[in-house]
Amino acid sequence: MAICFKTCLLIDDNYIDNFVTRKILEGSNFAETIIVVRSATEAISSLRDGIIKPDVIFLDVRMPLMGGFEFLEEYDKINIDKSHIKIFMLSSSLDPLDMRKSMDNKYITQFIYKPLTQKALEELCP
């Protein structure tokens, strides 16, 4: 698979999930650069300060301090160009409300169940 995106930001508090997702991303050449952040608050700060400029974000739903939906509320407030950024909600949540809520959010491109797979990644490439 050819490289699909320049910079991929993975936001998830779970070390094991991050390890597995990163390996899948690296193995598929999904992005030139993969940045892993274990807290949504850190991700917001990095985005706001221009430290991270992703083309694609994989966002977990349930995290301590700031979950995925709270991240989206803060993301909406920061003044950066969001027009080219795709956000995929990546979750193990089976709560239909989470899926509905993510599909109603203007920033979410798609809801994907964990674990991320090679096949799912191939479908995400433009």
C-alpha atoms as a PDB file:
ATOM      1  CA  MET A   1       0.000   0.000   0.000  1.00  0.00           C
ATOM      2  CA  ALA A   2       1.325   3.463  -0.891  1.00  0.00           C
ATOM      3  CA  ILE A   3       1.594   6.079   1.851  1.00  0.00           C
ATOM      4  CA  CYS A   4      -1.868   7.636   2.273  1.00  0.00           C
ATOM      5  CA  PHE A   5      -1.192  10.462   4.721  1.00  0.00           C
ATOM      6  CA  LYS A   6       1.740  12.590   5.816  1.00  0.00           C
ATOM      7  CA  THR A   7       1.083  12.720   9.574  1.00  0.00           C
ATOM      8  CA  CYS A   8      -1.134  10.456  11.665  1.00  0.00           C
ATOM      9  CA  LEU A   9      -1.989  11.312  15.278  1.00  0.00           C
ATOM     10  CA  LEU A  10      -3.142   8.460  17.506  1.00  0.00           C
ATOM     11  CA  ILE A  11      -4.864   9.575  20.731  1.00  0.00           C
ATOM     12  CA  ASP A  12      -5.450   6.700  23.145  1.00  0.00           C
ATOM     13  CA  ASP A  13      -4.616   6.222  26.827  1.00  0.00           C
ATOM     14  CA  ASN A  14      -4.116   2.450  26.518  1.00  0.00           C
ATOM     15  CA  TYR A  15      -0.475   1.448  26.036  1.00  0.00           C
ATOM     16  CA  ILE A  16      -1.247  -1.993  24.556  1.00  0.00           C
ATOM     17  CA  ASP A  17      -3.840  -0.596  22.112  1.00  0.00           C
ATOM     18  CA  ASN A  18      -1.326   2.063  21.034  1.00  0.00           C
ATOM     19  CA  PHE A  19       1.381  -0.545  20.515  1.00  0.00           C
ATOM     20  CA  VAL A  20      -0.891  -2.752  18.384  1.00  0.00           C
ATOM     21  CA  THR A  21      -2.390   0.154  16.394  1.00  0.00           C
ATOM     22  CA  ARG A  22       1.031   1.696  15.746  1.00  0.00           C
ATOM     23  CA  LYS A  23       2.388  -1.641  14.440  1.00  0.00           C
ATOM     24  CA  ILE A  24      -0.568  -1.990  12.072  1.00  0.00           C
ATOM     25  CA  LEU A  25      -0.141   1.615  10.863  1.00  0.00           C
ATOM     26  CA  GLU A  26       3.598   1.156  10.344  1.00  0.00           C
ATOM     27  CA  GLY A  27       3.170  -2.177   8.603  1.00  0.00           C
ATOM     28  CA  SER A  28       0.722  -0.711   6.102  1.00  0.00           C
ATOM     29  CA  ASN A  29       2.669   2.493   5.287  1.00  0.00           C
ATOM     30  CA  PHE A  30      -0.519   4.365   6.194  1.00  0.00           C
ATOM     31  CA  ALA A  31       1.356   7.552   7.117  1.00  0.00           C
ATOM     32  CA  GLU A  32       4.867   8.974   6.797  1.00  0.00           C
ATOM     33  CA  THR A  33       4.874   9.972  10.473  1.00  0.00           C
ATOM     34  CA  ILE A  34       2.904   8.386  13.322  1.00  0.00           C
ATOM     35  CA  ILE A  35       2.600  10.352  16.554  1.00  0.00           C
ATOM     36  CA  VAL A  36       1.144   8.644  19.621  1.00  0.00           C
ATOM     37  CA  VAL A  37      -0.282  10.734  22.455  1.00  0.00           C
ATOM     38  CA  ARG A  38      -1.755   9.099  25.553  1.00  0.00           C
ATOM     39  CA  SER A  39      -3.892  12.041  26.671  1.00  0.00           C
ATOM     40  CA  ALA A  40      -6.487  14.109  24.838  1.00  0.00           C
ATOM     41  CA  THR A  41      -5.483  17.236  26.786  1.00  0.00           C
ATOM     42  CA  GLU A  42      -1.897  16.873  25.561  1.00  0.00           C
ATOM     43  CA  ALA A  43      -3.173  16.387  22.005  1.00  0.00           C
ATOM     44  CA  ILE A  44      -5.275  19.575  22.197  1.00  0.00           C
ATOM     45  CA  SER A  45      -2.270  21.569  23.482  1.00  0.00           C
ATOM     46  CA  SER A  46      -0.025  20.197  20.730  1.00  0.00           C
ATOM     47  CA  LEU A  47      -2.593  20.970  18.047  1.00  0.00           C
ATOM     48  CA  ARG A  48      -3.284  24.467  19.419  1.00  0.00           C
ATOM     49  CA  ASP A  49       0.440  25.272  19.596  1.00  0.00           C
ATOM     50  CA  GLY A  50       1.097  23.913  16.099  1.00  0.00           C
ATOM     51  CA  ILE A  51       3.492  21.252  17.422  1.00  0.00           C
ATOM     52  CA  ILE A  52       1.487  18.511  15.684  1.00  0.00           C
ATOM     53  CA  LYS A  53      -0.115  19.094  12.266  1.00  0.00           C
ATOM     54  CA  PRO A  54      -1.905  15.849  11.402  1.00  0.00           C
ATOM     55  CA  ASP A  55      -3.760  14.885   8.250  1.00  0.00           C
ATOM     56  CA  VAL A  56      -5.519  12.100  10.094  1.00  0.00           C
ATOM     57  CA  ILE A  57      -6.398  11.468  13.753  1.00  0.00           C
ATOM     58  CA  PHE A  58      -7.433   8.192  15.367  1.00  0.00           C
ATOM     59  CA  LEU A  59      -9.319   9.094  18.548  1.00  0.00           C
ATOM     60  CA  ASP A  60     -10.349   6.789  21.392  1.00  0.00           C
ATOM     61  CA  VAL A  61     -13.786   7.368  22.948  1.00  0.00           C
ATOM     62  CA  ARG A  62     -13.115   6.529  26.592  1.00  0.00           C
ATOM     63  CA  MET A  63     -10.062   8.074  28.261  1.00  0.00           C
ATOM     64  CA  PRO A  64      -9.476   9.520  31.720  1.00  0.00           C
ATOM     65  CA  LEU A  65      -9.608  13.314  32.271  1.00  0.00           C
ATOM     66  CA  MET A  66     -10.767  14.081  28.717  1.00  0.00           C
ATOM     67  CA  GLY A  67     -12.562  11.512  26.580  1.00  0.00           C
ATOM     68  CA  GLY A  68     -12.992  11.532  22.818  1.00  0.00           C
ATOM     69  CA  PHE A  69     -16.171  13.602  22.788  1.00  0.00           C
ATOM     70  CA  GLU A  70     -14.693  16.177  25.184  1.00  0.00           C
ATOM     71  CA  PHE A  71     -11.654  16.301  22.895  1.00  0.00           C
ATOM     72  CA  LEU A  72     -13.958  17.131  19.970  1.00  0.00           C
ATOM     73  CA  GLU A  73     -15.551  19.978  21.953  1.00  0.00           C
ATOM     74  CA  GLU A  74     -12.099  21.474  22.643  1.00  0.00           C
ATOM     75  CA  TYR A  75     -10.951  20.747  19.085  1.00  0.00           C
ATOM     76  CA  ASP A  76     -13.892  22.809  17.830  1.00  0.00           C
ATOM     77  CA  LYS A  77     -12.625  25.814  19.841  1.00  0.00           C
ATOM     78  CA  ILE A  78      -9.020  25.842  18.628  1.00  0.00           C
ATOM     79  CA  ASN A  79      -8.115  28.081  15.731  1.00  0.00           C
ATOM     80  CA  ILE A  80      -6.369  25.813  13.221  1.00  0.00           C
ATOM     81  CA  ASP A  81      -7.181  24.794   9.651  1.00  0.00           C
ATOM     82  CA  LYS A  82      -9.306  21.673  10.114  1.00  0.00           C
ATOM     83  CA  SER A  83     -10.491  21.358   6.519  1.00  0.00           C
ATOM     84  CA  HIS A  84      -7.944  18.677   5.552  1.00  0.00           C
ATOM     85  CA  ILE A  85      -7.931  16.714   8.849  1.00  0.00           C
ATOM     86  CA  LYS A  86      -9.833  13.418   8.927  1.00  0.00           C
ATOM     87  CA  ILE A  87     -10.797  12.114  12.377  1.00  0.00           C
ATOM     88  CA  PHE A  88     -11.631   8.465  12.898  1.00  0.00           C
ATOM     89  CA  MET A  89     -13.203   7.448  16.197  1.00  0.00           C
ATOM     90  CA  LEU A  90     -11.393   4.252  17.174  1.00  0.00           C
ATOM     91  CA  SER A  91     -13.083   2.425  20.011  1.00  0.00           C
ATOM     92  CA  SER A  92     -13.869  -0.879  21.649  1.00  0.00           C
ATOM     93  CA  SER A  93     -17.153   0.615  22.921  1.00  0.00           C
ATOM     94  CA  LEU A  94     -20.227  -1.373  21.942  1.00  0.00           C
ATOM     95  CA  ASP A  95     -22.529   1.410  23.156  1.00  0.00           C
ATOM     96  CA  PRO A  96     -24.744   2.358  20.175  1.00  0.00           C
ATOM     97  CA  LEU A  97     -24.957   5.874  21.640  1.00  0.00           C
ATOM     98  CA  ASP A  98     -21.197   6.327  21.108  1.00  0.00           C
ATOM     99  CA  MET A  99     -21.523   5.389  17.458  1.00  0.00           C
ATOM    100  CA  ARG A 100     -24.559   7.626  16.940  1.00  0.00           C
ATOM    101  CA  LYS A 101     -22.874  10.529  18.739  1.00  0.00           C
ATOM    102  CA  SER A 102     -19.724  10.176  16.651  1.00  0.00           C
ATOM    103  CA  MET A 103     -21.654  10.003  13.376  1.00  0.00           C
ATOM    104  CA  ASP A 104     -23.535  13.181  14.359  1.00  0.00           C
ATOM    105  CA  ASN A 105     -20.250  15.021  14.952  1.00  0.00           C
ATOM    106  CA  LYS A 106     -19.147  17.171  12.020  1.00  0.00           C
ATOM    107  CA  TYR A 107     -15.473  16.298  12.549  1.00  0.00           C
ATOM    108  CA  ILE A 108     -15.786  12.506  12.634  1.00  0.00           C
ATOM    109  CA  THR A 109     -15.242  10.815   9.290  1.00  0.00           C
ATOM    110  CA  GLN A 110     -15.973   7.284  10.504  1.00  0.00           C
ATOM    111  CA  PHE A 111     -16.412   5.134  13.634  1.00  0.00           C
ATOM    112  CA  ILE A 112     -14.049   2.139  13.650  1.00  0.00           C
ATOM    113  CA  TYR A 113     -14.082  -0.728  16.131  1.00  0.00           C
ATOM    114  CA  LYS A 114     -10.820  -1.807  17.754  1.00  0.00           C
ATOM    115  CA  PRO A 115      -8.604  -3.466  16.892  1.00  0.00           C
ATOM    116  CA  LEU A 116      -7.712  -1.551  13.752  1.00  0.00           C
ATOM    117  CA  THR A 117      -7.091  -3.928  10.843  1.00  0.00           C
ATOM    118  CA  GLN A 118      -5.127  -3.807   7.605  1.00  0.00           C
ATOM    119  CA  LYS A 119      -8.387  -4.141   5.677  1.00  0.00           C
ATOM    120  CA  ALA A 120      -9.965  -1.175   7.519  1.00  0.00           C
ATOM    121  CA  LEU A 121      -6.893   0.942   6.776  1.00  0.00           C
ATOM    122  CA  GLU A 122      -7.026   0.133   3.070  1.00  0.00           C
ATOM    123  CA  GLU A 123     -10.612   1.407   2.994  1.00  0.00           C
ATOM    124  CA  LEU A 124      -9.545   4.691   4.637  1.00  0.00           C
ATOM    125  CA  CYS A 125      -6.954   5.621   2.029  1.00  0.00           C
ATOM    126  CA  PRO A 126      -8.123   8.336  -0.354  1.00  0.00           C
END
